[in-house]
Amino acid sequence: MNPPTNPYIKRLDELEAAKEKFNESEWRLFFLRTLSAEPPPQPTDEEICKVFTQTNSAAQHWN
């Protein structure tokens, strides 16, 4: 399947993929966190995308 050429659609696809990866990692990390009175802070969409972009570029570098 060809990647979308519309920058808005591409951005939405990237955000969806980033949120999916974030949710997977949060599910795993949930078991490793210590319990506290306050829930962990939730990142913004921009923060999630930034981490996703950084990890993808690092992964491509090593492949």
Protein backbone atom coordinates (compact mmCIF):
# COMPACT_ATOMS: atom_id res chain seq x y z
CA MET A 1 0.00 0.00 0.00
CA ASN A 2 1.32 3.45 -0.90
CA PRO A 3 1.89 5.94 1.90
CA PRO A 4 -0.52 8.88 1.89
CA THR A 5 0.63 11.98 0.02
CA ASN A 6 -1.59 14.34 1.97
CA PRO A 7 0.55 15.71 4.85
CA TYR A 8 -2.46 15.89 7.17
CA ILE A 9 -3.39 12.23 6.58
CA LYS A 10 0.26 11.23 6.94
CA ARG A 11 0.44 13.09 10.27
CA LEU A 12 -2.74 11.36 11.50
CA ASP A 13 -1.31 7.95 10.53
CA GLU A 14 1.93 8.71 12.36
CA LEU A 15 0.03 9.86 15.44
CA GLU A 16 -2.13 6.73 15.42
CA ALA A 17 0.94 4.49 15.16
CA ALA A 18 2.70 6.44 17.92
CA LYS A 19 -0.30 6.17 20.25
CA GLU A 20 -0.53 2.44 19.60
CA LYS A 21 3.15 1.95 20.50
CA PHE A 22 2.72 4.15 23.58
CA ASN A 23 -0.28 2.15 24.78
CA GLU A 24 1.62 -1.12 24.30
CA SER A 25 4.59 0.13 26.29
CA GLU A 26 2.37 1.59 29.01
CA TRP A 27 0.61 -1.74 29.41
CA ARG A 28 3.97 -3.47 29.94
CA LEU A 29 5.42 -0.77 32.17
CA PHE A 30 2.32 -0.79 34.36
CA PHE A 31 3.62 -3.97 36.00
CA LEU A 32 7.02 -2.44 36.72
CA ARG A 33 5.88 0.82 38.30
CA THR A 34 5.72 1.28 42.02
CA LEU A 35 2.35 2.24 43.40
CA SER A 36 1.92 5.85 44.41
CA ALA A 37 -0.89 8.15 45.40
CA GLU A 38 -0.65 10.08 42.14
CA PRO A 39 -1.08 8.61 38.66
CA PRO A 40 1.84 9.02 36.25
CA PRO A 41 1.64 12.11 34.04
CA GLN A 42 0.10 11.56 30.63
CA PRO A 43 2.13 12.85 27.66
CA THR A 44 0.65 15.10 25.01
CA ASP A 45 0.13 13.95 21.43
CA GLU A 46 3.19 15.98 20.42
CA GLU A 47 5.39 14.27 23.03
CA ILE A 48 4.21 10.83 21.91
CA CYS A 49 4.94 11.68 18.26
CA LYS A 50 8.38 13.06 19.13
CA VAL A 51 9.41 9.86 20.94
CA PHE A 52 7.94 7.68 18.20
CA THR A 53 9.82 9.61 15.52
CA GLN A 54 13.08 9.41 17.47
CA THR A 55 12.78 5.66 18.06
CA ASN A 56 11.86 5.00 14.42
CA SER A 57 14.83 6.97 13.12
CA ALA A 58 17.15 5.17 15.57
CA ALA A 59 15.72 1.79 14.55
CA GLN A 60 16.19 2.56 10.85
CA HIS A 61 19.77 3.62 11.54
CA TRP A 62 20.56 0.23 13.10
CA ASN A 63 18.81 -1.85 10.41
